[in-house]
């Protein structure tokens, strides 16, 4: 099943992002039905998904979320799974916690989860819930690459110093993006995110990075 799912996901530029098993008590603790026995996370890393998504050119609000639902809902049904999305709710499910449970991702100094291979250029699009035992990807327990990063350029590259010890100053960031000075971040992606030395080969590409920045600015 695992290999078949990975093959199906690849046709949309998506990947299997790890998973974990649950017993009845564990499922209840996660806000899931007691008979859920496994959670597999679906997501993307690198430019592959963006290159496929941009061909759709969907109009209207939230085009990426709508496209995600269009392709993954029938795929989940084909694999006899229930699907949850991080962009739907309430209830809102703890995708960040699930991600840390499923694979080697860790909080970075700028808040986003960092992956040892993909850096900050990855995302989670859905969770497939199974009410039976399934083959899980082998667990990756690598530590955070931030632990050995001495310079931490992500914290010093932001033009408006939005990433501070007391937290992320989101409105400073958004205001900068509304000015001519913010053109570089708008067209190429967050400068702090691009400064991370990890996973530069997984950069989404300017078109997809700009798509996300426009959505964030709104």
C-alpha atoms as a PDB file:
ATOM      1  CA  UNK A   1       0.000   0.000   0.000  1.00  0.00           C
ATOM      2  CA  UNK A   2       2.771   2.442   0.902  1.00  0.00           C
ATOM      3  CA  UNK A   3       4.491   2.158  -2.479  1.00  0.00           C
ATOM      4  CA  UNK A   4       1.199   2.486  -4.342  1.00  0.00           C
ATOM      5  CA  UNK A   5       0.314   5.607  -2.368  1.00  0.00           C
ATOM      6  CA  UNK A   6       3.724   7.155  -3.014  1.00  0.00           C
ATOM      7  CA  UNK A   7       3.323   6.509  -6.741  1.00  0.00           C
ATOM      8  CA  UNK A   8      -0.127   8.083  -6.776  1.00  0.00           C
ATOM      9  CA  UNK A   9       1.063  11.133  -4.862  1.00  0.00           C
ATOM     10  CA  UNK A  10       3.992  11.637  -7.215  1.00  0.00           C
ATOM     11  CA  UNK A  11       1.572  12.345 -10.064  1.00  0.00           C
ATOM     12  CA  UNK A  12       0.599  15.512  -8.165  1.00  0.00           C
ATOM     13  CA  UNK A  13       4.135  16.397  -7.107  1.00  0.00           C
ATOM     14  CA  UNK A  14       3.384  15.378  -3.534  1.00  0.00           C
ATOM     15  CA  UNK A  15       5.167  13.022  -1.172  1.00  0.00           C
ATOM     16  CA  UNK A  16       4.452  10.855   1.834  1.00  0.00           C
ATOM     17  CA  UNK A  17       5.706  12.730   4.888  1.00  0.00           C
ATOM     18  CA  UNK A  18       5.820  10.003   7.492  1.00  0.00           C
ATOM     19  CA  UNK A  19       3.227   8.673   9.867  1.00  0.00           C
ATOM     20  CA  UNK A  20       2.497   7.081  13.206  1.00  0.00           C
ATOM     21  CA  UNK A  21       0.228   4.493  14.767  1.00  0.00           C
ATOM     22  CA  UNK A  22      -2.415   4.976  17.440  1.00  0.00           C
ATOM     23  CA  UNK A  23      -4.366   2.895  19.909  1.00  0.00           C
ATOM     24  CA  UNK A  24      -7.825   3.868  21.085  1.00  0.00           C
ATOM     25  CA  UNK A  25      -6.548   6.101  23.896  1.00  0.00           C
ATOM     26  CA  UNK A  26      -3.993   7.759  21.633  1.00  0.00           C
ATOM     27  CA  UNK A  27      -6.583   8.466  18.966  1.00  0.00           C
ATOM     28  CA  UNK A  28      -8.906  10.044  21.520  1.00  0.00           C
ATOM     29  CA  UNK A  29      -6.040  12.200  22.815  1.00  0.00           C
ATOM     30  CA  UNK A  30      -5.536  13.534  19.283  1.00  0.00           C
ATOM     31  CA  UNK A  31      -9.223  14.341  18.871  1.00  0.00           C
ATOM     32  CA  UNK A  32      -9.759  11.444  16.459  1.00  0.00           C
ATOM     33  CA  UNK A  33     -12.215   8.564  16.430  1.00  0.00           C
ATOM     34  CA  UNK A  34     -11.155   5.759  18.737  1.00  0.00           C
ATOM     35  CA  UNK A  35     -10.866   3.263  15.878  1.00  0.00           C
ATOM     36  CA  UNK A  36      -8.235   5.263  13.941  1.00  0.00           C
ATOM     37  CA  UNK A  37      -5.088   3.143  13.921  1.00  0.00           C
ATOM     38  CA  UNK A  38      -2.680   5.080  11.701  1.00  0.00           C
ATOM     39  CA  UNK A  39      -2.057   8.612  10.476  1.00  0.00           C
ATOM     40  CA  UNK A  40      -0.051   9.256   7.306  1.00  0.00           C
ATOM     41  CA  UNK A  41       0.901  12.830   6.464  1.00  0.00           C
ATOM     42  CA  UNK A  42       0.855  14.065   2.884  1.00  0.00           C
ATOM     43  CA  UNK A  43       2.826  17.079   1.732  1.00  0.00           C
ATOM     44  CA  UNK A  44       5.353  18.518  -0.620  1.00  0.00           C
ATOM     45  CA  UNK A  45       8.994  19.565  -0.776  1.00  0.00           C
ATOM     46  CA  UNK A  46      10.903  21.207  -3.567  1.00  0.00           C
ATOM     47  CA  UNK A  47       9.367  22.564  -6.792  1.00  0.00           C
ATOM     48  CA  UNK A  48       7.516  19.479  -8.090  1.00  0.00           C
ATOM     49  CA  UNK A  49       4.037  20.214  -6.711  1.00  0.00           C
ATOM     50  CA  UNK A  50       4.148  23.865  -7.715  1.00  0.00           C
ATOM     51  CA  UNK A  51       5.041  22.990 -11.278  1.00  0.00           C
ATOM     52  CA  UNK A  52       1.958  20.763 -11.535  1.00  0.00           C
ATOM     53  CA  UNK A  53      -0.381  23.085  -9.627  1.00  0.00           C
ATOM     54  CA  UNK A  54       0.433  26.149 -11.756  1.00  0.00           C
ATOM     55  CA  UNK A  55      -0.875  24.371 -14.838  1.00  0.00           C
ATOM     56  CA  UNK A  56      -4.386  24.418 -13.368  1.00  0.00           C
ATOM     57  CA  UNK A  57      -4.659  28.214 -13.158  1.00  0.00           C
ATOM     58  CA  UNK A  58      -7.707  28.050 -10.890  1.00  0.00           C
ATOM     59  CA  UNK A  59      -9.723  31.234 -10.400  1.00  0.00           C
ATOM     60  CA  UNK A  60     -11.364  32.325  -7.185  1.00  0.00           C
ATOM     61  CA  UNK A  61     -10.247  32.238  -3.560  1.00  0.00           C
ATOM     62  CA  UNK A  62      -7.783  29.752  -2.062  1.00  0.00           C
ATOM     63  CA  UNK A  63      -6.870  28.012  -5.336  1.00  0.00           C
ATOM     64  CA  UNK A  64      -4.139  25.810  -3.834  1.00  0.00           C
ATOM     65  CA  UNK A  65      -6.353  24.594  -1.017  1.00  0.00           C
ATOM     66  CA  UNK A  66      -9.188  23.867  -3.458  1.00  0.00           C
ATOM     67  CA  UNK A  67      -6.881  21.987  -5.816  1.00  0.00           C
ATOM     68  CA  UNK A  68      -5.465  20.002  -2.887  1.00  0.00           C
ATOM     69  CA  UNK A  69      -8.958  18.898  -1.944  1.00  0.00           C
ATOM     70  CA  UNK A  70      -9.839  18.058  -5.535  1.00  0.00           C
ATOM     71  CA  UNK A  71      -6.919  15.673  -5.947  1.00  0.00           C
ATOM     72  CA  UNK A  72      -6.510  14.229  -2.451  1.00  0.00           C
ATOM     73  CA  UNK A  73     -10.127  13.587  -1.442  1.00  0.00           C
ATOM     74  CA  UNK A  74     -10.707  10.977  -4.179  1.00  0.00           C
ATOM     75  CA  UNK A  75      -7.225   9.571  -3.580  1.00  0.00           C
ATOM     76  CA  UNK A  76      -8.008   9.040   0.102  1.00  0.00           C
ATOM     77  CA  UNK A  77     -11.242   7.291  -0.859  1.00  0.00           C
ATOM     78  CA  UNK A  78      -9.333   5.015  -3.226  1.00  0.00           C
ATOM     79  CA  UNK A  79      -7.078   3.949  -0.354  1.00  0.00           C
ATOM     80  CA  UNK A  80     -10.009   3.604   2.085  1.00  0.00           C
ATOM     81  CA  UNK A  81      -8.807   6.471   4.257  1.00  0.00           C
ATOM     82  CA  UNK A  82     -10.428   9.523   5.778  1.00  0.00           C
ATOM     83  CA  UNK A  83      -8.698  12.788   4.892  1.00  0.00           C
ATOM     84  CA  UNK A  84      -8.151  15.863   7.071  1.00  0.00           C
ATOM     85  CA  UNK A  85      -6.782  19.174   5.839  1.00  0.00           C
ATOM     86  CA  UNK A  86      -4.828  21.762   7.855  1.00  0.00           C
ATOM     87  CA  UNK A  87      -6.742  24.594   6.149  1.00  0.00           C
ATOM     88  CA  UNK A  88     -10.180  23.356   7.219  1.00  0.00           C
ATOM     89  CA  UNK A  89     -11.879  23.741  10.555  1.00  0.00           C
ATOM     90  CA  UNK A  90     -12.983  24.009  13.240  1.00  0.00           C
ATOM     91  CA  UNK A  91     -11.940  21.669  14.592  1.00  0.00           C
ATOM     92  CA  UNK A  92      -8.338  22.427  13.637  1.00  0.00           C
ATOM     93  CA  UNK A  93      -6.054  19.456  14.021  1.00  0.00           C
ATOM     94  CA  UNK A  94      -2.477  19.702  15.383  1.00  0.00           C
ATOM     95  CA  UNK A  95      -0.586  19.210  12.129  1.00  0.00           C
ATOM     96  CA  UNK A  96       2.603  20.747  13.493  1.00  0.00           C
ATOM     97  CA  UNK A  97       2.672  18.302  16.393  1.00  0.00           C
ATOM     98  CA  UNK A  98       1.778  15.433  14.085  1.00  0.00           C
ATOM     99  CA  UNK A  99       4.603  16.420  11.741  1.00  0.00           C
ATOM    100  CA  UNK A 100       7.146  16.323  14.559  1.00  0.00           C
ATOM    101  CA  UNK A 101       5.818  12.936  15.562  1.00  0.00           C
ATOM    102  CA  UNK A 102       5.965  11.584  12.007  1.00  0.00           C
ATOM    103  CA  UNK A 103       9.385  12.684  10.745  1.00  0.00           C
ATOM    104  CA  UNK A 104      12.582  14.607  11.462  1.00  0.00           C
ATOM    105  CA  UNK A 105      11.274  18.166  11.497  1.00  0.00           C
ATOM    106  CA  UNK A 106      12.031  20.671  14.237  1.00  0.00           C
ATOM    107  CA  UNK A 107      11.118  24.274  15.096  1.00  0.00           C
ATOM    108  CA  UNK A 108      13.559  26.687  13.481  1.00  0.00           C
ATOM    109  CA  UNK A 109      14.644  30.083  14.876  1.00  0.00           C
ATOM    110  CA  UNK A 110      12.116  31.745  12.550  1.00  0.00           C
ATOM    111  CA  UNK A 111       9.283  29.509  13.726  1.00  0.00           C
ATOM    112  CA  UNK A 112       8.757  27.299  10.682  1.00  0.00           C
ATOM    113  CA  UNK A 113       9.585  23.619  10.922  1.00  0.00           C
ATOM    114  CA  UNK A 114      12.939  22.778   9.374  1.00  0.00           C
ATOM    115  CA  UNK A 115      13.753  19.485   7.654  1.00  0.00           C
ATOM    116  CA  UNK A 116      17.337  18.112   7.500  1.00  0.00           C
ATOM    117  CA  UNK A 117      17.149  17.749   3.702  1.00  0.00           C
ATOM    118  CA  UNK A 118      14.541  20.264   2.554  1.00  0.00           C
ATOM    119  CA  UNK A 119      15.278  23.065   4.975  1.00  0.00           C
ATOM    120  CA  UNK A 120      12.298  25.416   5.118  1.00  0.00           C
ATOM    121  CA  UNK A 121      10.994  24.552   1.640  1.00  0.00           C
ATOM    122  CA  UNK A 122       8.356  21.979   2.500  1.00  0.00           C
ATOM    123  CA  UNK A 123       4.731  21.871   3.611  1.00  0.00           C
ATOM    124  CA  UNK A 124       1.949  19.575   4.802  1.00  0.00           C
ATOM    125  CA  UNK A 125      -1.208  19.341   2.724  1.00  0.00           C
ATOM    126  CA  UNK A 126      -3.287  16.603   4.384  1.00  0.00           C
ATOM    127  CA  UNK A 127      -3.482  13.691   6.794  1.00  0.00           C
ATOM    128  CA  UNK A 128      -4.849  10.304   5.770  1.00  0.00           C
ATOM    129  CA  UNK A 129      -6.493   8.393   8.620  1.00  0.00           C
ATOM    130  CA  UNK A 130      -6.684   4.613   8.460  1.00  0.00           C
ATOM    131  CA  UNK A 131      -8.836   2.339  10.557  1.00  0.00           C
ATOM    132  CA  UNK A 132      -6.528  -0.617   9.929  1.00  0.00           C
ATOM    133  CA  UNK A 133      -2.831  -1.329  10.207  1.00  0.00           C
ATOM    134  CA  UNK A 134      -0.747   0.069   7.339  1.00  0.00           C
ATOM    135  CA  UNK A 135       2.919   0.084   6.415  1.00  0.00           C
ATOM    136  CA  UNK A 136       4.589   3.199   7.790  1.00  0.00           C
ATOM    137  CA  UNK A 137       7.638   4.947   6.340  1.00  0.00           C
ATOM    138  CA  UNK A 138      10.766   4.253   8.361  1.00  0.00           C
ATOM    139  CA  UNK A 139      11.058   6.872  11.121  1.00  0.00           C
ATOM    140  CA  UNK A 140      13.741   9.499  10.582  1.00  0.00           C
ATOM    141  CA  UNK A 141      15.218  10.618  13.902  1.00  0.00           C
ATOM    142  CA  UNK A 142      17.875  13.043  12.680  1.00  0.00           C
ATOM    143  CA  UNK A 143      18.401  16.099  14.906  1.00  0.00           C
ATOM    144  CA  UNK A 144      17.660  19.647  13.883  1.00  0.00           C
ATOM    145  CA  UNK A 145      20.262  21.135  11.537  1.00  0.00           C
ATOM    146  CA  UNK A 146      19.820  24.400  13.443  1.00  0.00           C
ATOM    147  CA  UNK A 147      21.743  22.873  16.358  1.00  0.00           C
ATOM    148  CA  UNK A 148      24.994  23.014  14.386  1.00  0.00           C
ATOM    149  CA  UNK A 149      24.283  26.244  12.488  1.00  0.00           C
ATOM    150  CA  UNK A 150      26.526  28.852  14.104  1.00  0.00           C
ATOM    151  CA  UNK A 151      25.763  31.968  12.015  1.00  0.00           C
ATOM    152  CA  UNK A 152      21.962  31.529  11.815  1.00  0.00           C
ATOM    153  CA  UNK A 153      21.563  33.901   8.850  1.00  0.00           C
ATOM    154  CA  UNK A 154      17.784  33.459   8.991  1.00  0.00           C
ATOM    155  CA  UNK A 155      17.741  35.773  12.029  1.00  0.00           C
ATOM    156  CA  UNK A 156      19.841  38.575  10.552  1.00  0.00           C
ATOM    157  CA  UNK A 157      18.723  38.725   6.913  1.00  0.00           C
ATOM    158  CA  UNK A 158      15.171  40.059   7.282  1.00  0.00           C
ATOM    159  CA  UNK A 159      15.142  43.698   6.063  1.00  0.00           C
ATOM    160  CA  UNK A 160      12.823  44.766   8.894  1.00  0.00           C
ATOM    161  CA  UNK A 161      14.161  42.433  11.616  1.00  0.00           C
ATOM    162  CA  UNK A 162      10.769  40.791  11.956  1.00  0.00           C
ATOM    163  CA  UNK A 163      12.226  37.734  13.718  1.00  0.00           C
ATOM    164  CA  UNK A 164      13.062  38.836  17.249  1.00  0.00           C
ATOM    165  CA  UNK A 165      13.650  37.065  20.574  1.00  0.00           C
ATOM    166  CA  UNK A 166      10.201  38.097  21.779  1.00  0.00           C
ATOM    167  CA  UNK A 167       8.542  36.605  18.713  1.00  0.00           C
ATOM    168  CA  UNK A 168       7.702  37.114  15.056  1.00  0.00           C
ATOM    169  CA  UNK A 169       6.501  40.647  14.290  1.00  0.00           C
ATOM    170  CA  UNK A 170       4.077  39.645  11.574  1.00  0.00           C
ATOM    171  CA  UNK A 171       2.665  43.117  10.880  1.00  0.00           C
ATOM    172  CA  UNK A 172       6.171  44.567  10.386  1.00  0.00           C
ATOM    173  CA  UNK A 173       6.684  41.857   7.777  1.00  0.00           C
ATOM    174  CA  UNK A 174       3.367  42.476   6.014  1.00  0.00           C
ATOM    175  CA  UNK A 175       3.888  46.235   5.972  1.00  0.00           C
ATOM    176  CA  UNK A 176       7.316  45.775   4.385  1.00  0.00           C
ATOM    177  CA  UNK A 177       5.781  43.602   1.657  1.00  0.00           C
ATOM    178  CA  UNK A 178       3.413  46.425   0.737  1.00  0.00           C
ATOM    179  CA  UNK A 179       6.329  48.732  -0.145  1.00  0.00           C
ATOM    180  CA  UNK A 180       8.755  48.846  -3.061  1.00  0.00           C
ATOM    181  CA  UNK A 181      11.490  47.741  -0.661  1.00  0.00           C
ATOM    182  CA  UNK A 182       9.634  44.463  -0.215  1.00  0.00           C
ATOM    183  CA  UNK A 183       9.720  43.549  -3.901  1.00  0.00           C
ATOM    184  CA  UNK A 184      12.576  41.055  -3.487  1.00  0.00           C
ATOM    185  CA  UNK A 185      10.702  39.099  -0.801  1.00  0.00           C
ATOM    186  CA  UNK A 186       7.458  39.295  -2.776  1.00  0.00           C
ATOM    187  CA  UNK A 187       8.939  38.024  -6.020  1.00  0.00           C
ATOM    188  CA  UNK A 188      11.482  35.476  -4.761  1.00  0.00           C
ATOM    189  CA  UNK A 189      10.128  34.417  -1.374  1.00  0.00           C
ATOM    190  CA  UNK A 190      10.938  35.439   2.192  1.00  0.00           C
ATOM    191  CA  UNK A 191      14.551  36.604   2.339  1.00  0.00           C
ATOM    192  CA  UNK A 192      15.083  35.062   5.770  1.00  0.00           C
ATOM    193  CA  UNK A 193      13.761  31.757   4.511  1.00  0.00           C
ATOM    194  CA  UNK A 194      16.084  31.894   1.502  1.00  0.00           C
ATOM    195  CA  UNK A 195      19.049  32.676   3.736  1.00  0.00           C
ATOM    196  CA  UNK A 196      18.886  29.276   5.430  1.00  0.00           C
ATOM    197  CA  UNK A 197      21.822  27.177   4.150  1.00  0.00           C
ATOM    198  CA  UNK A 198      19.858  23.936   4.535  1.00  0.00           C
ATOM    199  CA  UNK A 199      17.768  22.582   1.688  1.00  0.00           C
ATOM    200  CA  UNK A 200      18.492  25.235  -0.909  1.00  0.00           C
ATOM    201  CA  UNK A 201      18.101  22.582  -3.578  1.00  0.00           C
ATOM    202  CA  UNK A 202      14.463  22.228  -2.483  1.00  0.00           C
ATOM    203  CA  UNK A 203      13.609  25.885  -3.147  1.00  0.00           C
ATOM    204  CA  UNK A 204      10.077  26.022  -4.570  1.00  0.00           C
ATOM    205  CA  UNK A 205      11.015  28.392  -7.390  1.00  0.00           C
ATOM    206  CA  UNK A 206      10.150  32.066  -7.719  1.00  0.00           C
ATOM    207  CA  UNK A 207       6.633  31.573  -9.114  1.00  0.00           C
ATOM    208  CA  UNK A 208       5.439  29.341  -6.276  1.00  0.00           C
ATOM    209  CA  UNK A 209       7.281  31.374  -3.634  1.00  0.00           C
ATOM    210  CA  UNK A 210       5.613  34.539  -4.940  1.00  0.00           C
ATOM    211  CA  UNK A 211       2.213  32.811  -4.916  1.00  0.00           C
ATOM    212  CA  UNK A 212       2.588  32.101  -1.196  1.00  0.00           C
ATOM    213  CA  UNK A 213       3.851  35.595  -0.448  1.00  0.00           C
ATOM    214  CA  UNK A 214       0.835  37.166  -2.160  1.00  0.00           C
ATOM    215  CA  UNK A 215      -1.480  34.972  -0.103  1.00  0.00           C
ATOM    216  CA  UNK A 216       0.389  35.900   3.092  1.00  0.00           C
ATOM    217  CA  UNK A 217       0.274  39.626   2.312  1.00  0.00           C
ATOM    218  CA  UNK A 218      -3.504  39.483   1.860  1.00  0.00           C
END
